[in-house]
Amino acid sequence: MLKPPLASLLKSAHTDSRPQMTQSEITRMFHIAQVHGGDFERKLATAGLVADPDNVAKILRTWPELQGIYGPGGSHWDREDVK
């Protein structure tokens, strides 16, 4: 029996209704995730900070919860302990 591709199972991997972020917002979001995220989120954030634009887009498409939690409007966005 054939299984559907993973992207088909994970709707967030190919549909994104979140607003576009500026480059500075993306950078801040990754810094916030490095400080306040779990181990996996911290590693994603570190990868996002060194990734080229195509791979940053892949990270944001595949894990939209990063933007929801650590991006603008997220619970950690207005914290003063992250640049």
Protein backbone atom coordinates (compact mmCIF):
# COMPACT_ATOMS: atom_id res chain seq x y z
CA MET A 1 0.00 0.00 0.00
CA LEU A 2 1.38 3.40 -0.98
CA LYS A 3 1.56 6.08 1.68
CA PRO A 4 1.02 9.76 0.88
CA PRO A 5 4.08 12.02 1.01
CA LEU A 6 4.80 13.62 4.35
CA ALA A 7 3.96 17.08 2.99
CA SER A 8 0.45 15.83 2.20
CA LEU A 9 0.03 14.69 5.79
CA LEU A 10 1.34 17.96 7.21
CA LYS A 11 -0.86 20.68 5.78
CA SER A 12 1.39 23.32 7.36
CA ALA A 13 4.22 22.21 5.07
CA HIS A 14 2.52 23.62 2.00
CA THR A 15 -0.11 26.09 3.15
CA ASP A 16 0.66 29.20 5.15
CA SER A 17 -1.87 31.86 6.06
CA ARG A 18 0.45 33.82 8.35
CA PRO A 19 1.47 37.35 7.34
CA GLN A 20 4.86 37.94 5.76
CA MET A 21 7.62 39.01 8.14
CA THR A 22 10.46 41.40 7.39
CA GLN A 23 14.04 40.14 7.52
CA SER A 24 14.59 41.89 10.87
CA GLU A 25 11.43 40.26 12.28
CA ILE A 26 12.60 36.84 11.10
CA THR A 27 16.01 37.38 12.68
CA ARG A 28 14.43 38.53 15.96
CA MET A 29 12.05 35.56 15.91
CA PHE A 30 15.00 33.15 15.57
CA HIS A 31 16.87 34.92 18.41
CA ILE A 32 13.79 34.65 20.64
CA ALA A 33 13.41 30.95 19.79
CA GLN A 34 17.09 30.39 20.66
CA VAL A 35 16.48 31.82 24.13
CA HIS A 36 12.97 30.58 24.93
CA GLY A 37 12.48 27.50 22.75
CA GLY A 38 12.93 23.87 23.54
CA ASP A 39 16.01 22.00 22.34
CA PHE A 40 14.62 21.30 18.85
CA GLU A 41 13.30 24.85 18.42
CA ARG A 42 16.67 26.26 19.50
CA LYS A 43 18.43 24.15 16.88
CA LEU A 44 15.92 25.22 14.18
CA ALA A 45 16.50 28.84 15.17
CA THR A 46 20.26 28.43 14.97
CA ALA A 47 19.89 26.85 11.53
CA GLY A 48 17.56 29.67 10.48
CA LEU A 49 20.09 32.32 11.44
CA VAL A 50 22.75 30.86 9.12
CA ALA A 51 20.45 29.60 6.34
CA ASP A 52 20.13 31.09 2.89
CA PRO A 53 16.73 32.65 2.02
CA ASP A 54 15.40 29.46 0.39
CA ASN A 55 16.12 27.40 3.49
CA VAL A 56 14.72 30.07 5.82
CA ALA A 57 11.52 29.86 3.76
CA LYS A 58 11.51 26.06 4.13
CA ILE A 59 11.90 26.34 7.90
CA LEU A 60 9.06 28.87 8.15
CA ARG A 61 6.78 26.81 5.86
CA THR A 62 7.48 23.54 7.61
CA TRP A 63 7.31 24.83 11.20
CA PRO A 64 4.81 27.74 11.13
CA GLU A 65 4.38 27.40 14.89
CA LEU A 66 7.79 29.12 15.23
CA GLN A 67 6.21 32.29 13.87
CA GLY A 68 3.08 31.79 15.94
CA ILE A 69 4.96 31.40 19.22
CA TYR A 70 8.10 33.49 18.72
CA GLY A 71 7.16 35.86 15.88
CA PRO A 72 5.23 39.16 15.94
CA GLY A 73 2.18 38.83 18.14
CA GLY A 74 3.53 35.68 19.79
CA SER A 75 3.74 35.31 23.54
CA HIS A 76 7.51 35.95 23.61
CA TRP A 77 7.71 38.76 21.02
CA ASP A 78 7.66 41.76 23.40
CA ARG A 79 10.16 40.36 25.88
CA GLU A 80 13.07 42.66 26.68
CA ASP A 81 15.61 39.88 27.28
CA VAL A 82 16.18 39.26 23.56
CA LYS A 83 17.66 41.73 21.07
